[in-house]
Amino acid sequence: MEGLDKFGVVILAAGESSRMSVPKPFLRYDSKSRFIDKIIEEYRYFGINNIVVVANNQNIDRFNLDECITVVVNQHLEYERFHSIKLGLEKNLNCDYCFIQNIDNPFVNEVILRKLYYKKIKSGSAVPEYNETGGHPVLIGKDIIKRIIESNGSILNFKDILSEFASNRVTVDDESVLININTPEEYRNYFK
């Protein structure tokens, strides 16, 4: 893909994984990789090198990522997801577009990323949709990035911010965009 030097990804991996009881970034995706490894590999394969992982104090030492990955620690988990997104975007200031990727959805792939890429809008977002339901990851443009970075609060809602801007709903034939693995039962269901 051309022009991906102005693209980034923020991988949200700071949650406490309380329902899972083990940190989700380190769940096995397959015999070779953990969730975090699989997600990073997909974005690199697609051509994105501006990769930021937002972690927490308890899991920061277990990532073992190469020096090309920026890792930022969310010191305020009580501020939840929006604060992690903001911290990650602050490290991707030179990007015109940024994917927001949840750690609990390791099924991202080149087909989904390509479809979102072609529907990108600088003043809005591109959201994958399966059966008329929005999923992950979300690709946001420069105007949303700026709005989030300049926001005064840390306890805002990402969906509320997105609703202030235009959105391209991108139909995909892949129900994995809707999956969030939050419990051991859900993990066993997809990784038997």
Protein backbone atom coordinates (compact mmCIF):
# COMPACT_ATOMS: atom_id res chain seq x y z
CA MET A 1 0.00 0.00 0.00
CA GLU A 2 1.19 3.52 -0.76
CA GLY A 3 1.33 6.38 1.68
CA LEU A 4 1.30 4.31 4.86
CA ASP A 5 4.11 6.36 6.41
CA LYS A 6 1.39 8.75 7.64
CA PHE A 7 -0.65 5.90 9.16
CA GLY A 8 -0.36 4.55 12.68
CA VAL A 9 -2.03 2.14 15.04
CA VAL A 10 -2.77 2.39 18.73
CA ILE A 11 -3.15 -1.05 20.31
CA LEU A 12 -5.16 -0.86 23.51
CA ALA A 13 -3.61 -3.36 25.93
CA ALA A 14 -3.81 -1.56 29.29
CA GLY A 15 -6.94 -3.23 30.67
CA GLU A 16 -6.70 -5.35 33.79
CA SER A 17 -8.35 -8.38 32.12
CA SER A 18 -10.35 -8.97 35.29
CA ARG A 19 -12.92 -11.27 33.65
CA MET A 20 -10.23 -13.24 31.85
CA SER A 21 -8.05 -13.56 34.99
CA VAL A 22 -4.89 -13.49 32.84
CA PRO A 23 -3.63 -10.53 30.77
CA LYS A 24 -5.17 -10.67 27.30
CA PRO A 25 -2.09 -9.43 25.40
CA PHE A 26 -0.30 -12.66 26.33
CA LEU A 27 -3.03 -15.16 25.47
CA ARG A 28 -1.83 -17.63 22.86
CA TYR A 29 -3.15 -16.96 19.37
CA ASP A 30 -1.36 -20.01 18.00
CA SER A 31 1.75 -22.03 18.79
CA LYS A 32 4.02 -19.20 17.57
CA SER A 33 2.35 -16.03 18.75
CA ARG A 34 0.44 -14.27 21.48
CA PHE A 35 -2.46 -11.87 20.80
CA ILE A 36 -0.10 -8.86 20.89
CA ASP A 37 2.36 -10.52 18.49
CA LYS A 38 -0.37 -11.50 16.01
CA ILE A 39 -1.86 -8.00 15.95
CA ILE A 40 1.50 -6.29 15.45
CA GLU A 41 2.42 -8.78 12.73
CA GLU A 42 -0.80 -8.01 10.79
CA TYR A 43 -0.21 -4.25 10.87
CA ARG A 44 3.43 -4.62 9.86
CA TYR A 45 2.47 -6.97 7.03
CA PHE A 46 0.00 -4.33 5.86
CA GLY A 47 2.83 -1.77 5.87
CA ILE A 48 2.29 0.23 9.06
CA ASN A 49 5.38 0.95 11.11
CA ASN A 50 4.01 3.64 13.48
CA ILE A 51 2.85 1.22 16.18
CA VAL A 52 2.01 2.28 19.73
CA VAL A 53 1.02 -0.21 22.44
CA VAL A 54 -0.71 1.18 25.52
CA ALA A 55 0.06 -1.03 28.53
CA ASN A 56 -0.38 -0.87 32.30
CA ASN A 57 2.16 -1.06 35.11
CA GLN A 58 1.40 -4.71 35.84
CA ASN A 59 1.97 -5.99 32.30
CA ILE A 60 4.61 -3.66 30.86
CA ASP A 61 7.54 -5.98 31.56
CA ARG A 62 5.99 -8.96 29.78
CA PHE A 63 5.66 -7.52 26.28
CA ASN A 64 9.21 -8.22 25.01
CA LEU A 65 8.65 -6.09 21.91
CA ASP A 66 11.36 -4.83 19.61
CA GLU A 67 12.67 -1.28 19.81
CA CYS A 68 10.58 -0.17 16.81
CA ILE A 69 7.38 -0.43 18.86
CA THR A 70 6.50 2.48 21.13
CA VAL A 71 5.07 1.37 24.47
CA VAL A 72 3.32 3.89 26.69
CA VAL A 73 2.00 3.15 30.17
CA ASN A 74 -1.49 4.20 31.22
CA GLN A 75 -0.93 5.22 34.84
CA HIS A 76 -4.63 5.97 35.30
CA LEU A 77 -6.61 2.83 34.52
CA GLU A 78 -9.58 4.38 36.29
CA TYR A 79 -9.92 6.72 33.28
CA GLU A 80 -10.46 3.64 31.12
CA ARG A 81 -10.35 3.24 27.36
CA PHE A 82 -10.54 6.86 26.22
CA HIS A 83 -7.46 7.81 28.25
CA SER A 84 -5.52 4.94 26.67
CA ILE A 85 -6.57 6.09 23.19
CA LYS A 86 -5.48 9.64 23.98
CA LEU A 87 -2.09 8.50 25.34
CA GLY A 88 -1.49 6.39 22.24
CA LEU A 89 -2.48 9.14 19.83
CA GLU A 90 -0.15 11.59 21.56
CA LYS A 91 2.71 9.29 20.50
CA ASN A 92 1.41 9.21 16.88
CA LEU A 93 1.31 12.99 16.36
CA ASN A 94 2.73 12.84 12.84
CA CYS A 95 0.01 10.52 11.55
CA ASP A 96 -2.83 11.64 9.33
CA TYR A 97 -4.73 8.42 10.05
CA CYS A 98 -4.65 5.99 12.94
CA PHE A 99 -6.23 2.61 13.54
CA ILE A 100 -7.60 2.03 17.04
CA GLN A 101 -7.14 -1.67 17.79
CA ASN A 102 -8.45 -3.54 20.83
CA ILE A 103 -6.21 -6.29 22.24
CA ASP A 104 -9.23 -8.55 22.77
CA ASN A 105 -9.82 -8.81 19.01
CA PRO A 106 -6.74 -10.49 17.54
CA PHE A 107 -8.48 -11.38 14.26
CA VAL A 108 -7.54 -8.22 12.37
CA ASN A 109 -6.24 -9.04 8.91
CA GLU A 110 -5.02 -7.45 5.68
CA VAL A 111 -8.43 -7.67 3.97
CA ILE A 112 -10.15 -5.67 6.72
CA LEU A 113 -7.33 -3.12 6.90
CA ARG A 114 -7.34 -2.65 3.12
CA LYS A 115 -11.11 -2.05 3.03
CA LEU A 116 -10.83 0.55 5.79
CA TYR A 117 -7.85 2.16 4.04
CA TYR A 118 -9.85 2.72 0.86
CA LYS A 119 -12.74 4.27 2.81
CA LYS A 120 -10.60 6.56 4.97
CA ILE A 121 -11.69 10.16 5.48
CA LYS A 122 -9.46 12.84 6.96
CA SER A 123 -12.34 14.48 8.78
CA GLY A 124 -13.94 11.32 10.11
CA SER A 125 -13.72 7.58 10.61
CA ALA A 126 -14.03 4.30 8.77
CA VAL A 127 -15.72 1.51 10.73
CA PRO A 128 -16.00 -2.14 9.63
CA GLU A 129 -19.55 -3.42 9.68
CA TYR A 130 -20.88 -6.96 9.65
CA ASN A 131 -24.66 -7.53 9.47
CA GLU A 132 -25.18 -3.80 10.01
CA THR A 133 -23.27 -3.84 13.31
CA GLY A 134 -20.11 -1.80 13.72
CA GLY A 135 -16.92 -3.52 14.79
CA HIS A 136 -13.14 -3.20 15.12
CA PRO A 137 -10.67 -1.81 14.33
CA VAL A 138 -11.71 1.78 13.68
CA LEU A 139 -9.66 4.01 11.36
CA ILE A 140 -9.75 7.66 12.39
CA GLY A 141 -8.58 10.68 10.44
CA LYS A 142 -6.49 13.69 11.44
CA ASP A 143 -9.47 15.77 12.60
CA ILE A 144 -10.56 13.14 15.13
CA ILE A 145 -6.97 12.58 16.23
CA LYS A 146 -6.64 16.30 16.90
CA ARG A 147 -10.00 16.46 18.70
CA ILE A 148 -9.02 13.63 21.06
CA ILE A 149 -5.53 14.95 21.79
CA GLU A 150 -6.88 18.43 22.51
CA SER A 151 -9.77 17.20 24.67
CA ASN A 152 -9.71 18.41 28.26
CA GLY A 153 -11.21 15.36 29.91
CA SER A 154 -9.80 11.88 30.25
CA ILE A 155 -13.11 10.22 31.03
CA LEU A 156 -14.81 10.82 27.72
CA ASN A 157 -16.46 8.26 25.48
CA PHE A 158 -14.73 7.32 22.23
CA LYS A 159 -18.05 6.60 20.49
CA ASP A 160 -19.35 10.04 21.50
CA ILE A 161 -16.30 11.67 19.93
CA LEU A 162 -16.73 9.60 16.75
CA SER A 163 -20.38 10.69 16.51
CA GLU A 164 -19.24 14.31 16.13
CA PHE A 165 -17.65 13.47 12.76
CA ALA A 166 -18.54 11.83 9.46
CA SER A 167 -18.28 8.05 9.36
CA ASN A 168 -17.88 5.60 6.52
CA ARG A 169 -19.47 2.27 7.39
CA VAL A 170 -17.46 -0.39 5.57
CA THR A 171 -19.28 -3.66 4.94
CA VAL A 172 -17.08 -6.71 5.45
CA ASP A 173 -17.82 -10.42 5.07
CA ASP A 174 -15.98 -11.26 8.26
CA GLU A 175 -17.88 -11.55 11.52
CA SER A 176 -14.60 -11.50 13.47
CA VAL A 177 -14.79 -7.69 13.46
CA LEU A 178 -17.50 -8.06 16.12
CA ILE A 179 -15.59 -10.40 18.44
CA ASN A 180 -14.26 -9.34 21.83
CA ILE A 181 -12.61 -12.05 23.90
CA ASN A 182 -13.21 -11.14 27.53
CA THR A 183 -13.73 -14.43 29.38
CA PRO A 184 -12.09 -17.87 29.50
CA GLU A 185 -15.25 -19.31 27.91
CA GLU A 186 -15.02 -16.93 24.96
CA TYR A 187 -11.33 -17.74 24.58
CA ARG A 188 -12.02 -21.49 24.56
CA ASN A 189 -14.82 -20.96 22.05
CA TYR A 190 -12.41 -19.46 19.48
CA PHE A 191 -9.19 -21.21 20.47
CA LYS A 192 -10.03 -24.83 21.24
